Amino acid sequence: MKNIALPAATVFAILLAAAGAAYALTGGSDSDAPPAATATASPALTTPVTREAAIGLVATDLAHRTGAEPILVSAEPVEWPDTSLGNPQPGMFYAQVITPGYKIILEADSHQYEYHTDLTGSFTLLD
């Protein structure tokens, strides 16, 4: 039998796809569940996300959540103290590295929403 060497990124993508398939097969999708507050970009993303692209990502997320057209209030570059993007969740562990990104505030339906992003396209909506 011939051994085949695969790049680590390929192995990671295969494992990630298998985990997603297993999640779907075990009933992981629940239409009554609230939308996730955190999104993670593809591990293959190598070009940093621009300010405009980060605004587009979170505006799309908010539009799906509220059904309203979001209005940009502010967007500023930030260096988060770790990979939680300033929104650590109980029971989770985060790499303790300076993580550049953006603090973006949008308004929809007379409410303001604060998003934190990194430069890979990951973001979190603060409660």
C-alpha atoms as a PDB file:
ATOM      1  CA  MET A   1       0.000   0.000   0.000  1.00  0.00           C
ATOM      2  CA  LYS A   2       1.334   3.427  -0.961  1.00  0.00           C
ATOM      3  CA  ASN A   3       1.410   6.214   1.648  1.00  0.00           C
ATOM      4  CA  ILE A   4       0.121   9.586   0.493  1.00  0.00           C
ATOM      5  CA  ALA A   5       1.337  12.763   2.178  1.00  0.00           C
ATOM      6  CA  LEU A   6      -1.245  15.543   2.410  1.00  0.00           C
ATOM      7  CA  PRO A   7      -0.640  19.140   3.466  1.00  0.00           C
ATOM      8  CA  ALA A   8      -1.879  19.923   6.975  1.00  0.00           C
ATOM      9  CA  ALA A   9      -4.455  22.398   5.600  1.00  0.00           C
ATOM     10  CA  THR A  10      -5.964  19.667   3.417  1.00  0.00           C
ATOM     11  CA  VAL A  11      -6.187  17.251   6.340  1.00  0.00           C
ATOM     12  CA  PHE A  12      -7.812  19.971   8.458  1.00  0.00           C
ATOM     13  CA  ALA A  13     -10.354  20.736   5.721  1.00  0.00           C
ATOM     14  CA  ILE A  14     -11.243  17.041   5.400  1.00  0.00           C
ATOM     15  CA  LEU A  15     -11.683  16.678   9.157  1.00  0.00           C
ATOM     16  CA  LEU A  16     -13.751  19.859   9.307  1.00  0.00           C
ATOM     17  CA  ALA A  17     -16.004  18.646   6.486  1.00  0.00           C
ATOM     18  CA  ALA A  18     -16.423  15.256   8.174  1.00  0.00           C
ATOM     19  CA  ALA A  19     -17.317  16.913  11.474  1.00  0.00           C
ATOM     20  CA  GLY A  20     -19.917  19.079   9.729  1.00  0.00           C
ATOM     21  CA  ALA A  21     -21.434  16.058   8.007  1.00  0.00           C
ATOM     22  CA  ALA A  22     -21.557  14.158  11.303  1.00  0.00           C
ATOM     23  CA  TYR A  23     -23.233  17.153  12.954  1.00  0.00           C
ATOM     24  CA  ALA A  24     -25.883  17.291  10.227  1.00  0.00           C
ATOM     25  CA  LEU A  25     -26.462  13.519  10.385  1.00  0.00           C
ATOM     26  CA  THR A  26     -26.988  13.589  14.146  1.00  0.00           C
ATOM     27  CA  GLY A  27     -29.726  16.214  13.931  1.00  0.00           C
ATOM     28  CA  GLY A  28     -27.419  19.138  14.632  1.00  0.00           C
ATOM     29  CA  SER A  29     -29.705  21.546  12.800  1.00  0.00           C
ATOM     30  CA  ASP A  30     -32.560  22.952  14.866  1.00  0.00           C
ATOM     31  CA  SER A  31     -34.791  25.491  13.134  1.00  0.00           C
ATOM     32  CA  ASP A  32     -36.075  26.747  16.513  1.00  0.00           C
ATOM     33  CA  ALA A  33     -32.569  27.547  17.753  1.00  0.00           C
ATOM     34  CA  PRO A  34     -31.466  31.189  17.676  1.00  0.00           C
ATOM     35  CA  PRO A  35     -28.849  32.101  15.072  1.00  0.00           C
ATOM     36  CA  ALA A  36     -25.242  31.719  16.154  1.00  0.00           C
ATOM     37  CA  ALA A  37     -23.618  34.805  17.605  1.00  0.00           C
ATOM     38  CA  THR A  38     -20.209  33.901  16.231  1.00  0.00           C
ATOM     39  CA  ALA A  39     -19.037  33.096  12.735  1.00  0.00           C
ATOM     40  CA  THR A  40     -15.678  31.770  11.645  1.00  0.00           C
ATOM     41  CA  ALA A  41     -14.122  32.215   8.242  1.00  0.00           C
ATOM     42  CA  SER A  42     -12.642  29.467   6.126  1.00  0.00           C
ATOM     43  CA  PRO A  43      -9.259  28.262   7.397  1.00  0.00           C
ATOM     44  CA  ALA A  44      -7.911  28.686   3.844  1.00  0.00           C
ATOM     45  CA  LEU A  45      -8.430  32.482   3.940  1.00  0.00           C
ATOM     46  CA  THR A  46      -5.030  34.135   3.636  1.00  0.00           C
ATOM     47  CA  THR A  47      -5.826  37.718   2.571  1.00  0.00           C
ATOM     48  CA  PRO A  48      -6.760  39.983   5.503  1.00  0.00           C
ATOM     49  CA  VAL A  49     -10.323  41.276   5.456  1.00  0.00           C
ATOM     50  CA  THR A  50     -10.590  44.995   4.751  1.00  0.00           C
ATOM     51  CA  ARG A  51     -12.657  47.373   6.856  1.00  0.00           C
ATOM     52  CA  GLU A  52     -15.286  47.527   4.098  1.00  0.00           C
ATOM     53  CA  ALA A  53     -15.449  43.733   3.794  1.00  0.00           C
ATOM     54  CA  ALA A  54     -15.807  43.338   7.577  1.00  0.00           C
ATOM     55  CA  ILE A  55     -18.662  45.877   7.565  1.00  0.00           C
ATOM     56  CA  GLY A  56     -20.325  43.936   4.734  1.00  0.00           C
ATOM     57  CA  LEU A  57     -20.056  40.624   6.613  1.00  0.00           C
ATOM     58  CA  VAL A  58     -21.612  41.916   9.829  1.00  0.00           C
ATOM     59  CA  ALA A  59     -24.239  44.019   8.021  1.00  0.00           C
ATOM     60  CA  THR A  60     -25.368  40.892   6.164  1.00  0.00           C
ATOM     61  CA  ASP A  61     -25.529  38.972   9.448  1.00  0.00           C
ATOM     62  CA  LEU A  62     -27.590  41.701  11.119  1.00  0.00           C
ATOM     63  CA  ALA A  63     -29.939  42.004   8.143  1.00  0.00           C
ATOM     64  CA  HIS A  64     -30.629  38.253   8.367  1.00  0.00           C
ATOM     65  CA  ARG A  65     -31.218  38.485  12.130  1.00  0.00           C
ATOM     66  CA  THR A  66     -33.515  41.522  12.093  1.00  0.00           C
ATOM     67  CA  GLY A  67     -34.966  41.640   8.600  1.00  0.00           C
ATOM     68  CA  ALA A  68     -34.069  45.341   8.541  1.00  0.00           C
ATOM     69  CA  GLU A  69     -31.463  47.229   6.539  1.00  0.00           C
ATOM     70  CA  PRO A  70     -28.563  48.040   8.916  1.00  0.00           C
ATOM     71  CA  ILE A  71     -27.079  51.519   9.092  1.00  0.00           C
ATOM     72  CA  LEU A  72     -23.376  51.961   9.887  1.00  0.00           C
ATOM     73  CA  VAL A  73     -22.841  53.990  13.065  1.00  0.00           C
ATOM     74  CA  SER A  74     -19.078  53.464  13.422  1.00  0.00           C
ATOM     75  CA  ALA A  75     -16.223  51.164  12.470  1.00  0.00           C
ATOM     76  CA  GLU A  76     -12.790  51.442  14.004  1.00  0.00           C
ATOM     77  CA  PRO A  77      -9.671  49.295  13.962  1.00  0.00           C
ATOM     78  CA  VAL A  78      -8.959  47.526  17.261  1.00  0.00           C
ATOM     79  CA  GLU A  79      -6.322  45.189  18.663  1.00  0.00           C
ATOM     80  CA  TRP A  80      -8.158  42.581  20.768  1.00  0.00           C
ATOM     81  CA  PRO A  81      -6.110  41.120  23.664  1.00  0.00           C
ATOM     82  CA  ASP A  82      -6.947  37.547  22.605  1.00  0.00           C
ATOM     83  CA  THR A  83      -8.885  35.546  20.016  1.00  0.00           C
ATOM     84  CA  SER A  84     -12.192  35.957  21.877  1.00  0.00           C
ATOM     85  CA  LEU A  85     -12.424  39.324  20.114  1.00  0.00           C
ATOM     86  CA  GLY A  86     -13.447  40.973  23.371  1.00  0.00           C
ATOM     87  CA  ASN A  87     -16.412  38.627  23.852  1.00  0.00           C
ATOM     88  CA  PRO A  88     -15.209  35.571  25.810  1.00  0.00           C
ATOM     89  CA  GLN A  89     -17.758  32.808  26.299  1.00  0.00           C
ATOM     90  CA  PRO A  90     -17.923  30.642  29.448  1.00  0.00           C
ATOM     91  CA  GLY A  91     -16.063  27.354  29.152  1.00  0.00           C
ATOM     92  CA  MET A  92     -14.116  28.423  26.062  1.00  0.00           C
ATOM     93  CA  PHE A  93     -10.351  28.898  25.823  1.00  0.00           C
ATOM     94  CA  TYR A  94      -8.758  31.509  23.589  1.00  0.00           C
ATOM     95  CA  ALA A  95      -5.252  32.017  22.246  1.00  0.00           C
ATOM     96  CA  GLN A  96      -3.603  34.812  24.203  1.00  0.00           C
ATOM     97  CA  VAL A  97      -2.325  36.750  21.210  1.00  0.00           C
ATOM     98  CA  ILE A  98      -2.965  40.292  20.049  1.00  0.00           C
ATOM     99  CA  THR A  99      -5.694  39.936  17.424  1.00  0.00           C
ATOM    100  CA  PRO A 100      -6.225  42.868  15.055  1.00  0.00           C
ATOM    101  CA  GLY A 101      -9.728  43.525  13.801  1.00  0.00           C
ATOM    102  CA  TYR A 102     -12.590  45.993  13.935  1.00  0.00           C
ATOM    103  CA  LYS A 103     -15.236  47.194  16.354  1.00  0.00           C
ATOM    104  CA  ILE A 104     -18.316  47.853  14.229  1.00  0.00           C
ATOM    105  CA  ILE A 105     -21.546  49.384  15.486  1.00  0.00           C
ATOM    106  CA  LEU A 106     -24.654  49.096  13.327  1.00  0.00           C
ATOM    107  CA  GLU A 107     -28.203  50.293  13.851  1.00  0.00           C
ATOM    108  CA  ALA A 108     -31.355  48.450  12.807  1.00  0.00           C
ATOM    109  CA  ASP A 109     -34.933  48.902  14.012  1.00  0.00           C
ATOM    110  CA  SER A 110     -33.835  51.736  16.339  1.00  0.00           C
ATOM    111  CA  HIS A 111     -31.406  49.429  18.193  1.00  0.00           C
ATOM    112  CA  GLN A 112     -27.617  49.508  18.094  1.00  0.00           C
ATOM    113  CA  TYR A 113     -25.627  46.289  17.673  1.00  0.00           C
ATOM    114  CA  GLU A 114     -21.914  45.938  18.432  1.00  0.00           C
ATOM    115  CA  TYR A 115     -19.843  43.490  16.412  1.00  0.00           C
ATOM    116  CA  HIS A 116     -16.196  42.600  16.937  1.00  0.00           C
ATOM    117  CA  THR A 117     -14.184  41.108  14.072  1.00  0.00           C
ATOM    118  CA  ASP A 118     -10.699  39.869  13.326  1.00  0.00           C
ATOM    119  CA  LEU A 119      -8.915  40.105   9.986  1.00  0.00           C
ATOM    120  CA  THR A 120      -9.878  36.576   8.862  1.00  0.00           C
ATOM    121  CA  GLY A 121     -13.591  37.337   8.581  1.00  0.00           C
ATOM    122  CA  SER A 122     -14.544  35.899  11.981  1.00  0.00           C
ATOM    123  CA  PHE A 123     -16.889  38.038  14.029  1.00  0.00           C
ATOM    124  CA  THR A 124     -18.940  38.027  17.198  1.00  0.00           C
ATOM    125  CA  LEU A 125     -22.081  39.950  18.137  1.00  0.00           C
ATOM    126  CA  LEU A 126     -22.030  41.240  21.688  1.00  0.00           C
ATOM    127  CA  ASP A 127     -25.072  40.489  23.840  1.00  0.00           C
END
